[in-house]
Amino acid sequence: MNKFGLHSQISMHYVRLVSTALEPAKKSKLSKVSVEAGDRLLKAVKEKMLKEHGRIDEADLRRRGYSEATIERLNSL
């Protein structure tokens, strides 16, 4: 037992939990390949929509669950 009355294994486990909870979240970076693959998929969506409707229907994209950032990206391609 340590000075707090806890077994050393339990206290070390607690220290690990607290230290990982206090660390800032690490932001994962997307690889260039995954970004390019996403762009190709968006281009395919854009081409299909232009072929079927003659325009990009943003309201339909929102109903399907596309985010505003994805719709903006689609318009920029």
N, C-alpha and C. Protein backbone atom coordinates (compact mmCIF):
# COMPACT_ATOMS: atom_id res chain seq x y z
N MET A 1 0.84 -1.18 0.00
CA MET A 1 0.00 0.00 0.00
C MET A 1 0.88 1.24 0.00
N ASN A 2 0.41 2.28 -0.66
CA ASN A 2 1.15 3.53 -0.68
C ASN A 2 0.60 4.48 0.38
N LYS A 3 1.06 5.71 0.36
CA LYS A 3 0.64 6.66 1.41
C LYS A 3 -0.84 7.04 1.33
N PHE A 4 -1.48 6.76 0.18
CA PHE A 4 -2.90 7.06 0.04
C PHE A 4 -3.78 5.88 0.40
N GLY A 5 -3.16 4.76 0.76
CA GLY A 5 -3.92 3.58 1.12
C GLY A 5 -4.36 2.76 -0.07
N LEU A 6 -3.76 3.00 -1.24
CA LEU A 6 -4.11 2.25 -2.45
C LEU A 6 -2.97 1.31 -2.80
N HIS A 7 -3.31 0.23 -3.41
CA HIS A 7 -2.28 -0.67 -3.92
C HIS A 7 -1.59 0.01 -5.08
N SER A 8 -0.34 -0.30 -5.28
CA SER A 8 0.45 0.39 -6.31
C SER A 8 -0.10 0.16 -7.71
N GLN A 9 -0.63 -1.04 -7.99
CA GLN A 9 -1.19 -1.30 -9.32
C GLN A 9 -2.39 -0.41 -9.60
N ILE A 10 -3.25 -0.27 -8.63
CA ILE A 10 -4.45 0.55 -8.80
C ILE A 10 -4.07 2.01 -8.97
N SER A 11 -3.13 2.49 -8.17
CA SER A 11 -2.77 3.90 -8.26
C SER A 11 -2.06 4.20 -9.58
N MET A 12 -1.23 3.26 -10.07
CA MET A 12 -0.56 3.49 -11.36
C MET A 12 -1.58 3.48 -12.49
N HIS A 13 -2.57 2.61 -12.38
CA HIS A 13 -3.63 2.59 -13.38
C HIS A 13 -4.39 3.92 -13.39
N TYR A 14 -4.68 4.44 -12.21
CA TYR A 14 -5.36 5.71 -12.09
C TYR A 14 -4.52 6.84 -12.69
N VAL A 15 -3.23 6.84 -12.43
CA VAL A 15 -2.34 7.87 -12.97
C VAL A 15 -2.33 7.82 -14.49
N ARG A 16 -2.30 6.61 -15.06
CA ARG A 16 -2.32 6.48 -16.52
C ARG A 16 -3.63 7.00 -17.09
N LEU A 17 -4.74 6.67 -16.45
CA LEU A 17 -6.04 7.14 -16.93
C LEU A 17 -6.13 8.66 -16.91
N VAL A 18 -5.70 9.26 -15.82
CA VAL A 18 -5.77 10.71 -15.68
C VAL A 18 -4.83 11.39 -16.67
N SER A 19 -3.63 10.86 -16.84
CA SER A 19 -2.67 11.51 -17.75
C SER A 19 -3.12 11.43 -19.20
N THR A 20 -3.73 10.31 -19.60
CA THR A 20 -4.21 10.22 -20.97
C THR A 20 -5.45 11.08 -21.19
N ALA A 21 -6.26 11.25 -20.15
CA ALA A 21 -7.45 12.08 -20.28
C ALA A 21 -7.08 13.56 -20.40
N LEU A 22 -5.96 13.95 -19.81
CA LEU A 22 -5.57 15.35 -19.83
C LEU A 22 -4.74 15.73 -21.05
N GLU A 23 -4.24 14.75 -21.80
CA GLU A 23 -3.46 15.04 -22.99
C GLU A 23 -4.37 15.62 -24.06
N PRO A 24 -3.87 16.58 -24.84
CA PRO A 24 -4.69 17.10 -25.92
C PRO A 24 -4.93 16.02 -26.97
N ALA A 25 -6.09 16.08 -27.56
CA ALA A 25 -6.43 15.09 -28.58
C ALA A 25 -5.53 15.27 -29.79
N LYS A 26 -5.02 14.17 -30.29
CA LYS A 26 -4.15 14.22 -31.46
C LYS A 26 -5.02 14.16 -32.71
N LYS A 27 -4.80 15.08 -33.59
CA LYS A 27 -5.57 15.15 -34.82
C LYS A 27 -4.88 14.28 -35.86
N SER A 28 -5.61 13.33 -36.39
CA SER A 28 -5.00 12.47 -37.40
C SER A 28 -5.04 13.19 -38.75
N LYS A 29 -3.94 13.05 -39.45
CA LYS A 29 -3.85 13.68 -40.76
C LYS A 29 -4.22 12.65 -41.83
N LEU A 30 -4.95 13.12 -42.83
CA LEU A 30 -5.30 12.24 -43.92
C LEU A 30 -4.13 12.15 -44.89
N SER A 31 -3.95 10.98 -45.43
CA SER A 31 -2.88 10.82 -46.41
C SER A 31 -3.32 11.44 -47.73
N LYS A 32 -2.34 11.75 -48.55
CA LYS A 32 -2.62 12.35 -49.85
C LYS A 32 -3.46 11.41 -50.71
N VAL A 33 -3.20 10.12 -50.57
CA VAL A 33 -3.94 9.12 -51.36
C VAL A 33 -5.42 9.12 -50.97
N SER A 34 -5.71 9.20 -49.67
CA SER A 34 -7.11 9.17 -49.25
C SER A 34 -7.85 10.45 -49.66
N VAL A 35 -7.14 11.59 -49.64
CA VAL A 35 -7.76 12.84 -50.08
C VAL A 35 -8.07 12.78 -51.57
N GLU A 36 -7.12 12.24 -52.36
CA GLU A 36 -7.35 12.12 -53.80
C GLU A 36 -8.50 11.15 -54.10
N ALA A 37 -8.59 10.07 -53.33
CA ALA A 37 -9.68 9.12 -53.52
C ALA A 37 -11.02 9.77 -53.21
N GLY A 38 -11.07 10.57 -52.15
CA GLY A 38 -12.29 11.29 -51.82
C GLY A 38 -12.68 12.28 -52.90
N ASP A 39 -11.68 12.95 -53.47
CA ASP A 39 -11.97 13.89 -54.56
C ASP A 39 -12.53 13.17 -55.78
N ARG A 40 -11.98 11.99 -56.08
CA ARG A 40 -12.50 11.23 -57.22
C ARG A 40 -13.95 10.82 -56.99
N LEU A 41 -14.27 10.42 -55.77
CA LEU A 41 -15.66 10.05 -55.47
C LEU A 41 -16.59 11.25 -55.59
N LEU A 42 -16.14 12.41 -55.09
CA LEU A 42 -16.96 13.62 -55.20
C LEU A 42 -17.16 14.03 -56.65
N LYS A 43 -16.10 13.89 -57.46
CA LYS A 43 -16.23 14.20 -58.89
C LYS A 43 -17.25 13.29 -59.55
N ALA A 44 -17.26 12.02 -59.17
CA ALA A 44 -18.23 11.08 -59.73
C ALA A 44 -19.65 11.47 -59.34
N VAL A 45 -19.85 11.88 -58.09
CA VAL A 45 -21.17 12.34 -57.65
C VAL A 45 -21.58 13.56 -58.44
N LYS A 46 -20.64 14.49 -58.62
CA LYS A 46 -20.93 15.73 -59.35
C LYS A 46 -21.29 15.43 -60.81
N GLU A 47 -20.52 14.58 -61.45
CA GLU A 47 -20.79 14.25 -62.86
C GLU A 47 -22.14 13.57 -63.03
N LYS A 48 -22.47 12.65 -62.11
CA LYS A 48 -23.75 11.95 -62.18
C LYS A 48 -24.91 12.92 -61.99
N MET A 49 -24.77 13.84 -61.03
CA MET A 49 -25.84 14.80 -60.78
C MET A 49 -26.01 15.75 -61.96
N LEU A 50 -24.89 16.20 -62.54
CA LEU A 50 -24.98 17.08 -63.70
C LEU A 50 -25.60 16.36 -64.89
N LYS A 51 -25.28 15.09 -65.05
CA LYS A 51 -25.83 14.31 -66.17
C LYS A 51 -27.33 14.10 -66.00
N GLU A 52 -27.77 13.80 -64.76
CA GLU A 52 -29.18 13.51 -64.54
C GLU A 52 -30.05 14.76 -64.43
N HIS A 53 -29.55 15.80 -63.74
CA HIS A 53 -30.37 16.97 -63.46
C HIS A 53 -29.91 18.23 -64.16
N GLY A 54 -28.71 18.22 -64.71
CA GLY A 54 -28.19 19.41 -65.37
C GLY A 54 -27.63 20.45 -64.41
N ARG A 55 -27.68 20.17 -63.12
CA ARG A 55 -27.15 21.10 -62.12
C ARG A 55 -26.85 20.33 -60.84
N ILE A 56 -26.16 20.98 -59.92
CA ILE A 56 -25.88 20.38 -58.62
C ILE A 56 -27.00 20.79 -57.67
N ASP A 57 -27.77 19.83 -57.21
CA ASP A 57 -28.89 20.09 -56.32
C ASP A 57 -28.40 20.01 -54.87
N GLU A 58 -28.05 21.18 -54.31
CA GLU A 58 -27.49 21.22 -52.96
C GLU A 58 -28.50 20.79 -51.91
N ALA A 59 -29.77 21.10 -52.12
CA ALA A 59 -30.80 20.69 -51.16
C ALA A 59 -30.90 19.17 -51.08
N ASP A 60 -30.81 18.52 -52.23
CA ASP A 60 -30.84 17.06 -52.26
C ASP A 60 -29.62 16.48 -51.55
N LEU A 61 -28.48 17.10 -51.75
CA LEU A 61 -27.27 16.63 -51.08
C LEU A 61 -27.39 16.77 -49.57
N ARG A 62 -27.98 17.86 -49.12
CA ARG A 62 -28.18 18.07 -47.67
C ARG A 62 -29.13 17.01 -47.11
N ARG A 63 -30.19 16.69 -47.86
CA ARG A 63 -31.14 15.67 -47.41
C ARG A 63 -30.46 14.30 -47.32
N ARG A 64 -29.51 14.06 -48.20
CA ARG A 64 -28.77 12.79 -48.18
C ARG A 64 -27.73 12.74 -47.07
N GLY A 65 -27.47 13.86 -46.40
CA GLY A 65 -26.55 13.87 -45.28
C GLY A 65 -25.17 14.42 -45.56
N TYR A 66 -24.98 15.04 -46.73
CA TYR A 66 -23.69 15.66 -47.03
C TYR A 66 -23.53 16.91 -46.18
N SER A 67 -22.33 17.13 -45.66
CA SER A 67 -22.06 18.32 -44.84
C SER A 67 -21.87 19.53 -45.75
N GLU A 68 -21.96 20.71 -45.14
CA GLU A 68 -21.75 21.94 -45.89
C GLU A 68 -20.34 21.99 -46.47
N ALA A 69 -19.37 21.52 -45.70
CA ALA A 69 -17.98 21.52 -46.18
C ALA A 69 -17.83 20.60 -47.39
N THR A 70 -18.50 19.46 -47.38
CA THR A 70 -18.42 18.54 -48.51
C THR A 70 -19.10 19.13 -49.74
N ILE A 71 -20.21 19.82 -49.54
CA ILE A 71 -20.90 20.45 -50.67
C ILE A 71 -20.03 21.56 -51.26
N GLU A 72 -19.39 22.34 -50.40
CA GLU A 72 -18.47 23.38 -50.90
C GLU A 72 -17.32 22.77 -51.67
N ARG A 73 -16.79 21.67 -51.16
CA ARG A 73 -15.69 20.97 -51.84
C ARG A 73 -16.15 20.46 -53.20
N LEU A 74 -17.37 19.93 -53.24
CA LEU A 74 -17.93 19.43 -54.49
C LEU A 74 -18.05 20.55 -55.51
N ASN A 75 -18.50 21.72 -55.08
CA ASN A 75 -18.63 22.85 -56.00
C ASN A 75 -17.26 23.35 -56.49
N SER A 76 -16.23 23.18 -55.68
CA SER A 76 -14.91 23.69 -56.07
C SER A 76 -14.18 22.76 -57.04
N LEU A 77 -14.64 21.50 -57.14
CA LEU A 77 -13.96 20.56 -58.04
C LEU A 77 -14.33 20.79 -59.48
